[in-house]
PDB file of all heavy atoms in Angstrom:
ATOM      1  N   VAL A   1       3.479  22.121  -7.202  1.00  0.00           N
ATOM      2  CA  VAL A   1       2.350  21.204  -7.170  1.00  0.00           C
ATOM      3  C   VAL A   1       2.865  19.779  -7.283  1.00  0.00           C
ATOM      4  O   VAL A   1       3.379  19.378  -8.345  1.00  0.00           O
ATOM      5  CB  VAL A   1       1.358  21.514  -8.303  1.00  0.00           C
ATOM      6  CG1 VAL A   1       0.194  20.536  -8.246  1.00  0.00           C
ATOM      7  CG2 VAL A   1       0.865  22.945  -8.207  1.00  0.00           C
ATOM      8  N   GLU A   2       2.713  19.037  -6.182  1.00  0.00           N
ATOM      9  CA  GLU A   2       3.234  17.680  -6.110  1.00  0.00           C
ATOM     10  C   GLU A   2       2.151  16.660  -6.489  1.00  0.00           C
ATOM     11  O   GLU A   2       0.964  16.885  -6.224  1.00  0.00           O
ATOM     12  CB  GLU A   2       3.717  17.369  -4.687  1.00  0.00           C
ATOM     13  CG  GLU A   2       4.792  18.314  -4.167  1.00  0.00           C
ATOM     14  CD  GLU A   2       4.233  19.534  -3.445  1.00  0.00           C
ATOM     15  OE1 GLU A   2       3.001  19.765  -3.500  1.00  0.00           O
ATOM     16  OE2 GLU A   2       5.017  20.275  -2.825  1.00  0.00           O
ATOM     17  N   SER A   3       2.561  15.553  -7.076  1.00  0.00           N
ATOM     18  CA  SER A   3       1.636  14.483  -7.438  1.00  0.00           C
ATOM     19  C   SER A   3       2.369  13.157  -7.495  1.00  0.00           C
ATOM     20  O   SER A   3       3.612  13.121  -7.472  1.00  0.00           O
ATOM     21  CB  SER A   3       0.986  14.784  -8.795  1.00  0.00           C
ATOM     22  OG  SER A   3       1.965  14.836  -9.811  1.00  0.00           O
ATOM     23  N   GLY A   4       1.587  12.072  -7.563  1.00  0.00           N
ATOM     24  CA  GLY A   4       2.180  10.751  -7.746  1.00  0.00           C
ATOM     25  C   GLY A   4       2.205   9.871  -6.520  1.00  0.00           C
ATOM     26  O   GLY A   4       2.634   8.716  -6.596  1.00  0.00           O
ATOM     27  N   GLY A   5       1.752  10.393  -5.388  1.00  0.00           N
ATOM     28  CA  GLY A   5       1.743   9.587  -4.183  1.00  0.00           C
ATOM     29  C   GLY A   5       0.660   8.511  -4.226  1.00  0.00           C
ATOM     30  O   GLY A   5      -0.120   8.434  -5.173  1.00  0.00           O
ATOM     31  N   GLY A   6       0.651   7.697  -3.179  1.00  0.00           N
ATOM     32  CA  GLY A   6      -0.359   6.650  -3.097  1.00  0.00           C
ATOM     33  C   GLY A   6      -0.015   5.630  -2.048  1.00  0.00           C
ATOM     34  O   GLY A   6       0.909   5.822  -1.250  1.00  0.00           O
ATOM     35  N   LEU A   7      -0.765   4.543  -2.069  1.00  0.00           N
ATOM     36  CA  LEU A   7      -0.551   3.424  -1.151  1.00  0.00           C
ATOM     37  C   LEU A   7       0.225   2.333  -1.884  1.00  0.00           C
ATOM     38  O   LEU A   7      -0.157   1.925  -2.983  1.00  0.00           O
ATOM     39  CB  LEU A   7      -1.898   2.879  -0.669  1.00  0.00           C
ATOM     40  CG  LEU A   7      -1.857   1.606   0.171  1.00  0.00           C
ATOM     41  CD1 LEU A   7      -1.109   1.837   1.474  1.00  0.00           C
ATOM     42  CD2 LEU A   7      -3.272   1.111   0.430  1.00  0.00           C
ATOM     43  N   VAL A   8       1.309   1.894  -1.282  1.00  0.00           N
ATOM     44  CA  VAL A   8       2.148   0.878  -1.916  1.00  0.00           C
ATOM     45  C   VAL A   8       2.630  -0.099  -0.850  1.00  0.00           C
ATOM     46  O   VAL A   8       2.797   0.270   0.325  1.00  0.00           O
ATOM     47  CB  VAL A   8       3.332   1.541  -2.657  1.00  0.00           C
ATOM     48  CG1 VAL A   8       4.229   2.288  -1.688  1.00  0.00           C
ATOM     49  CG2 VAL A   8       4.107   0.548  -3.487  1.00  0.00           C
ATOM     50  N   GLN A   9       2.842  -1.334  -1.251  1.00  0.00           N
ATOM     51  CA  GLN A   9       3.341  -2.339  -0.316  1.00  0.00           C
ATOM     52  C   GLN A   9       4.853  -2.184  -0.110  1.00  0.00           C
ATOM     53  O   GLN A   9       5.551  -1.642  -0.984  1.00  0.00           O
ATOM     54  CB  GLN A   9       3.056  -3.734  -0.853  1.00  0.00           C
ATOM     55  CG  GLN A   9       1.572  -4.082  -0.886  1.00  0.00           C
ATOM     56  CD  GLN A   9       1.331  -5.531  -1.272  1.00  0.00           C
ATOM     57  OE1 GLN A   9       2.197  -6.197  -1.830  1.00  0.00           O
ATOM     58  NE2 GLN A   9       0.150  -6.022  -0.954  1.00  0.00           N
ATOM     59  N   PRO A  10       5.339  -2.630   1.022  1.00  0.00           N
ATOM     60  CA  PRO A  10       6.798  -2.596   1.234  1.00  0.00           C
ATOM     61  C   PRO A  10       7.521  -3.284   0.083  1.00  0.00           C
ATOM     62  O   PRO A  10       7.088  -4.337  -0.405  1.00  0.00           O
ATOM     63  CB  PRO A  10       6.973  -3.369   2.544  1.00  0.00           C
ATOM     64  CG  PRO A  10       5.698  -3.138   3.269  1.00  0.00           C
ATOM     65  CD  PRO A  10       4.627  -3.139   2.200  1.00  0.00           C
ATOM     66  N   GLY A  11       8.602  -2.656  -0.362  1.00  0.00           N
ATOM     67  CA  GLY A  11       9.347  -3.154  -1.507  1.00  0.00           C
ATOM     68  C   GLY A  11       8.886  -2.604  -2.836  1.00  0.00           C
ATOM     69  O   GLY A  11       9.546  -2.801  -3.860  1.00  0.00           O
ATOM     70  N   GLY A  12       7.773  -1.893  -2.823  1.00  0.00           N
ATOM     71  CA  GLY A  12       7.236  -1.324  -4.058  1.00  0.00           C
ATOM     72  C   GLY A  12       7.913  -0.028  -4.457  1.00  0.00           C
ATOM     73  O   GLY A  12       8.854   0.439  -3.800  1.00  0.00           O
ATOM     74  N   SER A  13       7.417   0.562  -5.541  1.00  0.00           N
ATOM     75  CA  SER A  13       7.993   1.778  -6.105  1.00  0.00           C
ATOM     76  C   SER A  13       6.908   2.814  -6.397  1.00  0.00           C
ATOM     77  O   SER A  13       5.758   2.457  -6.666  1.00  0.00           O
ATOM     78  CB  SER A  13       8.740   1.475  -7.400  1.00  0.00           C
ATOM     79  OG  SER A  13       9.817   0.589  -7.179  1.00  0.00           O
ATOM     80  N   LEU A  14       7.311   4.062  -6.350  1.00  0.00           N
ATOM     81  CA  LEU A  14       6.474   5.189  -6.766  1.00  0.00           C
ATOM     82  C   LEU A  14       7.371   6.227  -7.415  1.00  0.00           C
ATOM     83  O   LEU A  14       8.546   6.342  -7.065  1.00  0.00           O
ATOM     84  CB  LEU A  14       5.748   5.820  -5.577  1.00  0.00           C
ATOM     85  CG  LEU A  14       4.550   5.111  -4.981  1.00  0.00           C
ATOM     86  CD1 LEU A  14       4.091   5.835  -3.715  1.00  0.00           C
ATOM     87  CD2 LEU A  14       3.408   5.015  -5.973  1.00  0.00           C
ATOM     88  N   ARG A  15       6.761   7.001  -8.305  1.00  0.00           N
ATOM     89  CA  ARG A  15       7.469   8.126  -8.898  1.00  0.00           C
ATOM     90  C   ARG A  15       6.666   9.389  -8.635  1.00  0.00           C
ATOM     91  O   ARG A  15       5.531   9.517  -9.101  1.00  0.00           O
ATOM     92  CB  ARG A  15       7.656   7.949 -10.394  1.00  0.00           C
ATOM     93  CG  ARG A  15       8.566   8.998 -11.022  1.00  0.00           C
ATOM     94  CD  ARG A  15       8.490   8.964 -12.522  1.00  0.00           C
ATOM     95  NE  ARG A  15       9.555   9.726 -13.162  1.00  0.00           N
ATOM     96  CZ  ARG A  15       9.467  10.281 -14.369  1.00  0.00           C
ATOM     97  NH1 ARG A  15       8.349  10.141 -15.059  1.00  0.00           N
ATOM     98  NH2 ARG A  15      10.479  10.938 -14.890  1.00  0.00           N
ATOM     99  N   LEU A  16       7.259  10.306  -7.888  1.00  0.00           N
ATOM    100  CA  LEU A  16       6.618  11.570  -7.589  1.00  0.00           C
ATOM    101  C   LEU A  16       7.039  12.618  -8.609  1.00  0.00           C
ATOM    102  O   LEU A  16       8.174  12.609  -9.093  1.00  0.00           O
ATOM    103  CB  LEU A  16       6.994  12.045  -6.194  1.00  0.00           C
ATOM    104  CG  LEU A  16       6.747  11.066  -5.036  1.00  0.00           C
ATOM    105  CD1 LEU A  16       7.104  11.740  -3.721  1.00  0.00           C
ATOM    106  CD2 LEU A  16       5.334  10.545  -5.047  1.00  0.00           C
ATOM    107  N   SER A  17       6.113  13.537  -8.891  1.00  0.00           N
ATOM    108  CA  SER A  17       6.400  14.652  -9.789  1.00  0.00           C
ATOM    109  C   SER A  17       6.062  15.960  -9.084  1.00  0.00           C
ATOM    110  O   SER A  17       5.156  16.014  -8.248  1.00  0.00           O
ATOM    111  CB  SER A  17       5.562  14.553 -11.064  1.00  0.00           C
ATOM    112  OG  SER A  17       5.854  13.384 -11.781  1.00  0.00           O
ATOM    113  N   CYS A  18       6.774  16.990  -9.436  1.00  0.00           N
ATOM    114  CA  CYS A  18       6.513  18.316  -8.885  1.00  0.00           C
ATOM    115  C   CYS A  18       6.629  19.336 -10.002  1.00  0.00           C
ATOM    116  O   CYS A  18       7.727  19.535 -10.544  1.00  0.00           O
ATOM    117  CB  CYS A  18       7.493  18.632  -7.766  1.00  0.00           C
ATOM    118  SG  CYS A  18       7.366  20.330  -7.155  1.00  0.00           S
ATOM    119  N   ALA A  19       5.517  19.962 -10.323  1.00  0.00           N
ATOM    120  CA  ALA A  19       5.501  21.015 -11.331  1.00  0.00           C
ATOM    121  C   ALA A  19       5.660  22.357 -10.637  1.00  0.00           C
ATOM    122  O   ALA A  19       4.968  22.647  -9.662  1.00  0.00           O
ATOM    123  CB  ALA A  19       4.195  20.974 -12.107  1.00  0.00           C
ATOM    124  N   ALA A  20       6.583  23.158 -11.129  1.00  0.00           N
ATOM    125  CA  ALA A  20       6.893  24.434 -10.478  1.00  0.00           C
ATOM    126  C   ALA A  20       6.625  25.599 -11.418  1.00  0.00           C
ATOM    127  O   ALA A  20       7.065  25.583 -12.572  1.00  0.00           O
ATOM    128  CB  ALA A  20       8.357  24.439 -10.050  1.00  0.00           C
ATOM    129  N   SER A  21       5.941  26.581 -10.916  1.00  0.00           N
ATOM    130  CA  SER A  21       5.693  27.796 -11.696  1.00  0.00           C
ATOM    131  C   SER A  21       6.795  28.795 -11.355  1.00  0.00           C
ATOM    132  O   SER A  21       6.580  29.749 -10.611  1.00  0.00           O
ATOM    133  CB  SER A  21       4.316  28.369 -11.383  1.00  0.00           C
ATOM    134  OG  SER A  21       4.245  28.709 -10.009  1.00  0.00           O
ATOM    135  N   ILE A  22       7.976  28.527 -11.889  1.00  0.00           N
ATOM    136  CA  ILE A  22       9.152  29.357 -11.605  1.00  0.00           C
ATOM    137  C   ILE A  22       9.710  29.877 -12.908  1.00  0.00           C
ATOM    138  O   ILE A  22       9.912  29.105 -13.853  1.00  0.00           O
ATOM    139  CB  ILE A  22      10.261  28.539 -10.912  1.00  0.00           C
ATOM    140  CG1 ILE A  22       9.761  27.898  -9.615  1.00  0.00           C
ATOM    141  CG2 ILE A  22      11.477  29.408 -10.628  1.00  0.00           C
ATOM    142  CD1 ILE A  22      10.793  26.996  -8.967  1.00  0.00           C
ATOM    143  N   ARG A  23       9.966  31.178 -12.941  1.00  0.00           N
ATOM    144  CA  ARG A  23      10.685  31.714 -14.089  1.00  0.00           C
ATOM    145  C   ARG A  23      12.137  31.275 -13.973  1.00  0.00           C
ATOM    146  O   ARG A  23      12.718  31.284 -12.917  1.00  0.00           O
ATOM    147  CB  ARG A  23      10.576  33.234 -14.110  1.00  0.00           C
ATOM    148  CG  ARG A  23       9.166  33.739 -14.385  1.00  0.00           C
ATOM    149  CD  ARG A  23       9.152  35.247 -14.451  1.00  0.00           C
ATOM    150  NE  ARG A  23       9.972  35.748 -15.543  1.00  0.00           N
ATOM    151  CZ  ARG A  23      10.193  37.043 -15.772  1.00  0.00           C
ATOM    152  NH1 ARG A  23       9.679  37.939 -14.968  1.00  0.00           N
ATOM    153  NH2 ARG A  23      10.930  37.420 -16.771  1.00  0.00           N
ATOM    154  N   GLU A  24      12.728  30.918 -15.072  1.00  0.00           N
ATOM    155  CA  GLU A  24      14.124  30.476 -15.091  1.00  0.00           C
ATOM    156  C   GLU A  24      14.336  29.327 -14.114  1.00  0.00           C
ATOM    157  O   GLU A  24      15.262  29.332 -13.282  1.00  0.00           O
ATOM    158  CB  GLU A  24      15.054  31.643 -14.792  1.00  0.00           C
ATOM    159  CG  GLU A  24      14.944  32.759 -15.826  1.00  0.00           C
ATOM    160  CD  GLU A  24      16.051  33.780 -15.669  1.00  0.00           C
ATOM    161  OE1 GLU A  24      17.212  33.420 -15.873  1.00  0.00           O
ATOM    162  OE2 GLU A  24      15.726  34.929 -15.320  1.00  0.00           O
ATOM    163  N   PHE A  25      13.508  28.335 -14.203  1.00  0.00           N
ATOM    164  CA  PHE A  25      13.540  27.133 -13.349  1.00  0.00           C
ATOM    165  C   PHE A  25      14.952  26.574 -13.247  1.00  0.00           C
ATOM    166  O   PHE A  25      15.388  26.139 -12.185  1.00  0.00           O
ATOM    167  CB  PHE A  25      12.584  26.116 -13.979  1.00  0.00           C
ATOM    168  CG  PHE A  25      12.538  24.777 -13.330  1.00  0.00           C
ATOM    169  CD1 PHE A  25      11.660  24.528 -12.284  1.00  0.00           C
ATOM    170  CD2 PHE A  25      13.334  23.728 -13.791  1.00  0.00           C
ATOM    171  CE1 PHE A  25      11.589  23.274 -11.691  1.00  0.00           C
ATOM    172  CE2 PHE A  25      13.263  22.474 -13.206  1.00  0.00           C
ATOM    173  CZ  PHE A  25      12.384  22.252 -12.155  1.00  0.00           C
ATOM    174  N   ARG A  26      15.670  26.606 -14.355  1.00  0.00           N
ATOM    175  CA  ARG A  26      16.960  25.918 -14.444  1.00  0.00           C
ATOM    176  C   ARG A  26      18.034  26.508 -13.536  1.00  0.00           C
ATOM    177  O   ARG A  26      19.048  25.866 -13.286  1.00  0.00           O
ATOM    178  CB  ARG A  26      17.463  25.946 -15.888  1.00  0.00           C
ATOM    179  CG  ARG A  26      17.696  27.360 -16.397  1.00  0.00           C
ATOM    180  CD  ARG A  26      18.156  27.378 -17.835  1.00  0.00           C
ATOM    181  NE  ARG A  26      18.267  28.751 -18.343  1.00  0.00           N
ATOM    182  CZ  ARG A  26      19.272  29.549 -18.102  1.00  0.00           C
ATOM    183  NH1 ARG A  26      20.289  29.115 -17.364  1.00  0.00           N
ATOM    184  NH2 ARG A  26      19.292  30.777 -18.591  1.00  0.00           N
ATOM    185  N   ILE A  27      17.827  27.722 -13.014  1.00  0.00           N
ATOM    186  CA  ILE A  27      18.895  28.358 -12.242  1.00  0.00           C
ATOM    187  C   ILE A  27      18.767  28.116 -10.744  1.00  0.00           C
ATOM    188  O   ILE A  27      19.543  28.663  -9.945  1.00  0.00           O
ATOM    189  CB  ILE A  27      18.975  29.877 -12.510  1.00  0.00           C
ATOM    190  CG1 ILE A  27      17.752  30.594 -11.916  1.00  0.00           C
ATOM    191  CG2 ILE A  27      19.127  30.139 -13.986  1.00  0.00           C
ATOM    192  CD1 ILE A  27      17.874  32.111 -11.988  1.00  0.00           C
ATOM    193  N   TYR A  28      17.793  27.286 -10.361  1.00  0.00           N
ATOM    194  CA  TYR A  28      17.545  27.065  -8.945  1.00  0.00           C
ATOM    195  C   TYR A  28      17.863  25.632  -8.519  1.00  0.00           C
ATOM    196  O   TYR A  28      17.569  24.665  -9.230  1.00  0.00           O
ATOM    197  CB  TYR A  28      16.094  27.369  -8.590  1.00  0.00           C
ATOM    198  CG  TYR A  28      15.749  28.826  -8.786  1.00  0.00           C
ATOM    199  CD1 TYR A  28      15.076  29.247  -9.925  1.00  0.00           C
ATOM    200  CD2 TYR A  28      16.134  29.768  -7.842  1.00  0.00           C
ATOM    201  CE1 TYR A  28      14.781  30.591 -10.118  1.00  0.00           C
ATOM    202  CE2 TYR A  28      15.839  31.108  -8.027  1.00  0.00           C
ATOM    203  CZ  TYR A  28      15.168  31.512  -9.171  1.00  0.00           C
ATOM    204  OH  TYR A  28      14.884  32.834  -9.349  1.00  0.00           O
ATOM    205  N   HIS A  29      18.433  25.521  -7.332  1.00  0.00           N
ATOM    206  CA  HIS A  29      18.581  24.221  -6.685  1.00  0.00           C
ATOM    207  C   HIS A  29      17.214  23.851  -6.106  1.00  0.00           C
ATOM    208  O   HIS A  29      16.510  24.708  -5.555  1.00  0.00           O
ATOM    209  CB  HIS A  29      19.592  24.276  -5.543  1.00  0.00           C
ATOM    210  CG  HIS A  29      20.923  24.850  -5.927  1.00  0.00           C
ATOM    211  ND1 HIS A  29      21.584  24.516  -7.099  1.00  0.00           N
ATOM    212  CD2 HIS A  29      21.731  25.725  -5.272  1.00  0.00           C
ATOM    213  CE1 HIS A  29      22.728  25.180  -7.154  1.00  0.00           C
ATOM    214  NE2 HIS A  29      22.843  25.925  -6.062  1.00  0.00           N
ATOM    215  N   LEU A  30      16.868  22.579  -6.192  1.00  0.00           N
ATOM    216  CA  LEU A  30      15.544  22.135  -5.757  1.00  0.00           C
ATOM    217  C   LEU A  30      15.661  20.903  -4.858  1.00  0.00           C
ATOM    218  O   LEU A  30      16.649  20.166  -4.942  1.00  0.00           O
ATOM    219  CB  LEU A  30      14.683  21.789  -6.982  1.00  0.00           C
ATOM    220  CG  LEU A  30      14.448  22.953  -7.934  1.00  0.00           C
ATOM    221  CD1 LEU A  30      13.901  22.448  -9.254  1.00  0.00           C
ATOM    222  CD2 LEU A  30      13.511  23.972  -7.317  1.00  0.00           C
ATOM    223  N   GLY A  31      14.630  20.687  -4.040  1.00  0.00           N
ATOM    224  CA  GLY A  31      14.676  19.560  -3.143  1.00  0.00           C
ATOM    225  C   GLY A  31      13.322  18.922  -2.941  1.00  0.00           C
ATOM    226  O   GLY A  31      12.281  19.543  -3.132  1.00  0.00           O
ATOM    227  N   TRP A  32      13.368  17.651  -2.571  1.00  0.00           N
ATOM    228  CA  TRP A  32      12.193  16.928  -2.085  1.00  0.00           C
ATOM    229  C   TRP A  32      12.330  16.804  -0.566  1.00  0.00           C
ATOM    230  O   TRP A  32      13.413  16.454  -0.060  1.00  0.00           O
ATOM    231  CB  TRP A  32      12.104  15.538  -2.724  1.00  0.00           C
ATOM    232  CG  TRP A  32      11.493  15.531  -4.079  1.00  0.00           C
ATOM    233  CD1 TRP A  32      12.138  15.483  -5.275  1.00  0.00           C
ATOM    234  CD2 TRP A  32      10.094  15.560  -4.385  1.00  0.00           C
ATOM    235  NE1 TRP A  32      11.237  15.496  -6.305  1.00  0.00           N
ATOM    236  CE2 TRP A  32       9.973  15.534  -5.790  1.00  0.00           C
ATOM    237  CE3 TRP A  32       8.932  15.599  -3.619  1.00  0.00           C
ATOM    238  CZ2 TRP A  32       8.735  15.555  -6.438  1.00  0.00           C
ATOM    239  CZ3 TRP A  32       7.707  15.620  -4.260  1.00  0.00           C
ATOM    240  CH2 TRP A  32       7.613  15.596  -5.643  1.00  0.00           C
ATOM    241  N   TYR A  33      11.235  17.041   0.106  1.00  0.00           N
ATOM    242  CA  TYR A  33      11.181  16.994   1.549  1.00  0.00           C
ATOM    243  C   TYR A  33      10.027  16.085   1.958  1.00  0.00           C
ATOM    244  O   TYR A  33       9.121  15.825   1.151  1.00  0.00           O
ATOM    245  CB  TYR A  33      10.933  18.394   2.121  1.00  0.00           C
ATOM    246  CG  TYR A  33      11.939  19.433   1.666  1.00  0.00           C
ATOM    247  CD1 TYR A  33      11.826  20.026   0.414  1.00  0.00           C
ATOM    248  CD2 TYR A  33      13.000  19.805   2.479  1.00  0.00           C
ATOM    249  CE1 TYR A  33      12.755  20.969  -0.026  1.00  0.00           C
ATOM    250  CE2 TYR A  33      13.919  20.748   2.063  1.00  0.00           C
ATOM    251  CZ  TYR A  33      13.796  21.324   0.809  1.00  0.00           C
ATOM    252  OH  TYR A  33      14.723  22.250   0.383  1.00  0.00           O
ATOM    253  N   ARG A  34      10.023  15.627   3.198  1.00  0.00           N
ATOM    254  CA  ARG A  34       8.896  14.830   3.671  1.00  0.00           C
ATOM    255  C   ARG A  34       8.628  15.119   5.145  1.00  0.00           C
ATOM    256  O   ARG A  34       9.546  15.506   5.881  1.00  0.00           O
ATOM    257  CB  ARG A  34       9.128  13.337   3.453  1.00  0.00           C
ATOM    258  CG  ARG A  34      10.213  12.728   4.308  1.00  0.00           C
ATOM    259  CD  ARG A  34      10.437  11.268   3.916  1.00  0.00           C
ATOM    260  NE  ARG A  34      11.480  10.641   4.728  1.00  0.00           N
ATOM    261  CZ  ARG A  34      11.960   9.422   4.488  1.00  0.00           C
ATOM    262  NH1 ARG A  34      11.491   8.683   3.467  1.00  0.00           N
ATOM    263  NH2 ARG A  34      12.902   8.919   5.272  1.00  0.00           N
ATOM    264  N   GLN A  35       7.397  14.919   5.516  1.00  0.00           N
ATOM    265  CA  GLN A  35       7.011  15.097   6.907  1.00  0.00           C
ATOM    266  C   GLN A  35       6.099  13.943   7.312  1.00  0.00           C
ATOM    267  O   GLN A  35       4.998  13.796   6.776  1.00  0.00           O
ATOM    268  CB  GLN A  35       6.306  16.432   7.129  1.00  0.00           C
ATOM    269  CG  GLN A  35       6.039  16.726   8.590  1.00  0.00           C
ATOM    270  CD  GLN A  35       5.653  18.172   8.823  1.00  0.00           C
ATOM    271  OE1 GLN A  35       5.198  18.867   7.922  1.00  0.00           O
ATOM    272  NE2 GLN A  35       5.828  18.636  10.059  1.00  0.00           N
ATOM    273  N   ALA A  36       6.590  13.154   8.250  1.00  0.00           N
ATOM    274  CA  ALA A  36       5.803  12.053   8.801  1.00  0.00           C
ATOM    275  C   ALA A  36       5.020  12.576  10.003  1.00  0.00           C
ATOM    276  O   ALA A  36       5.375  13.602  10.599  1.00  0.00           O
ATOM    277  CB  ALA A  36       6.736  10.921   9.216  1.00  0.00           C
ATOM    278  N   PRO A  37       3.954  11.873  10.371  1.00  0.00           N
ATOM    279  CA  PRO A  37       3.154  12.321  11.524  1.00  0.00           C
ATOM    280  C   PRO A  37       4.000  12.503  12.770  1.00  0.00           C
ATOM    281  O   PRO A  37       4.846  11.668  13.090  1.00  0.00           O
ATOM    282  CB  PRO A  37       2.149  11.172  11.698  1.00  0.00           C
ATOM    283  CG  PRO A  37       2.020  10.579  10.345  1.00  0.00           C
ATOM    284  CD  PRO A  37       3.385  10.681   9.734  1.00  0.00           C
ATOM    285  N   ALA A  38       3.797  13.625  13.437  1.00  0.00           N
ATOM    286  CA  ALA A  38       4.479  13.951  14.694  1.00  0.00           C
ATOM    287  C   ALA A  38       5.992  14.107  14.532  1.00  0.00           C
ATOM    288  O   ALA A  38       6.737  14.021  15.517  1.00  0.00           O
ATOM    289  CB  ALA A  38       4.182  12.909  15.763  1.00  0.00           C
ATOM    290  N   LYS A  39       6.440  14.331  13.312  1.00  0.00           N
ATOM    291  CA  LYS A  39       7.876  14.531  13.080  1.00  0.00           C
ATOM    292  C   LYS A  39       8.115  15.838  12.341  1.00  0.00           C
ATOM    293  O   LYS A  39       7.224  16.363  11.688  1.00  0.00           O
ATOM    294  CB  LYS A  39       8.468  13.365  12.285  1.00  0.00           C
ATOM    295  CG  LYS A  39       8.515  12.052  13.060  1.00  0.00           C
ATOM    296  CD  LYS A  39       9.322  11.016  12.318  1.00  0.00           C
ATOM    297  CE  LYS A  39       9.455   9.755  13.140  1.00  0.00           C
ATOM    298  NZ  LYS A  39      10.273   8.722  12.424  1.00  0.00           N
ATOM    299  N   GLU A  40       9.351  16.326  12.436  1.00  0.00           N
ATOM    300  CA  GLU A  40       9.736  17.521  11.709  1.00  0.00           C
ATOM    301  C   GLU A  40       9.872  17.213  10.217  1.00  0.00           C
ATOM    302  O   GLU A  40      10.190  16.090   9.826  1.00  0.00           O
ATOM    303  CB  GLU A  40      11.084  18.031  12.229  1.00  0.00           C
ATOM    304  CG  GLU A  40      11.073  18.476  13.683  1.00  0.00           C
ATOM    305  CD  GLU A  40      10.361  19.804  13.847  1.00  0.00           C
ATOM    306  OE1 GLU A  40      10.491  20.658  12.939  1.00  0.00           O
ATOM    307  OE2 GLU A  40       9.692  19.986  14.873  1.00  0.00           O
ATOM    308  N   ARG A  41       9.647  18.226   9.401  1.00  0.00           N
ATOM    309  CA  ARG A  41       9.888  18.073   7.969  1.00  0.00           C
ATOM    310  C   ARG A  41      11.385  17.905   7.748  1.00  0.00           C
ATOM    311  O   ARG A  41      12.199  18.591   8.385  1.00  0.00           O
ATOM    312  CB  ARG A  41       9.376  19.287   7.202  1.00  0.00           C
ATOM    313  CG  ARG A  41       9.295  19.048   5.720  1.00  0.00           C
ATOM    314  CD  ARG A  41       8.575  20.124   4.934  1.00  0.00           C
ATOM    315  NE  ARG A  41       7.894  21.123   5.692  1.00  0.00           N
ATOM    316  CZ  ARG A  41       6.632  21.500   5.470  1.00  0.00           C
ATOM    317  NH1 ARG A  41       5.927  20.909   4.533  1.00  0.00           N
ATOM    318  NH2 ARG A  41       6.080  22.457   6.194  1.00  0.00           N
ATOM    319  N   GLU A  42      11.755  17.000   6.854  1.00  0.00           N
ATOM    320  CA  GLU A  42      13.167  16.744   6.600  1.00  0.00           C
ATOM    321  C   GLU A  42      13.456  16.738   5.104  1.00  0.00           C
ATOM    322  O   GLU A  42      12.602  16.431   4.287  1.00  0.00           O
ATOM    323  CB  GLU A  42      13.574  15.378   7.186  1.00  0.00           C
ATOM    324  CG  GLU A  42      12.868  14.193   6.570  1.00  0.00           C
ATOM    325  CD  GLU A  42      13.396  12.844   7.063  1.00  0.00           C
ATOM    326  OE1 GLU A  42      14.468  12.787   7.674  1.00  0.00           O
ATOM    327  OE2 GLU A  42      12.712  11.837   6.805  1.00  0.00           O
ATOM    328  N   LEU A  43      14.693  17.080   4.777  1.00  0.00           N
ATOM    329  CA  LEU A  43      15.152  17.039   3.394  1.00  0.00           C
ATOM    330  C   LEU A  43      15.451  15.594   3.019  1.00  0.00           C
ATOM    331  O   LEU A  43      16.204  14.914   3.702  1.00  0.00           O
ATOM    332  CB  LEU A  43      16.403  17.896   3.234  1.00  0.00           C
ATOM    333  CG  LEU A  43      17.081  17.873   1.872  1.00  0.00           C
ATOM    334  CD1 LEU A  43      16.187  18.485   0.806  1.00  0.00           C
ATOM    335  CD2 LEU A  43      18.415  18.608   1.928  1.00  0.00           C
ATOM    336  N   VAL A  44      14.889  15.152   1.913  1.00  0.00           N
ATOM    337  CA  VAL A  44      15.092  13.784   1.445  1.00  0.00           C
ATOM    338  C   VAL A  44      16.142  13.732   0.348  1.00  0.00           C
ATOM    339  O   VAL A  44      17.032  12.879   0.372  1.00  0.00           O
ATOM    340  CB  VAL A  44      13.758  13.210   0.904  1.00  0.00           C
ATOM    341  CG1 VAL A  44      13.970  11.845   0.268  1.00  0.00           C
ATOM    342  CG2 VAL A  44      12.723  13.123   2.014  1.00  0.00           C
ATOM    343  N   ALA A  45      16.028  14.652  -0.604  1.00  0.00           N
ATOM    344  CA  ALA A  45      16.953  14.658  -1.734  1.00  0.00           C
ATOM    345  C   ALA A  45      17.036  16.070  -2.296  1.00  0.00           C
ATOM    346  O   ALA A  45      16.082  16.834  -2.204  1.00  0.00           O
ATOM    347  CB  ALA A  45      16.486  13.689  -2.816  1.00  0.00           C
TER     348      ALA A  45
END
């Protein structure tokens, strides 16, 4: 469950959060991805 998005001006900042219902969360590699209009989803971090 992702949260924290919004409208921001160029040069601004946001902090996104993602709550995961995973047992043993600590043993998994995790990533943030994004998908812009008409583009493929890509790995960000």
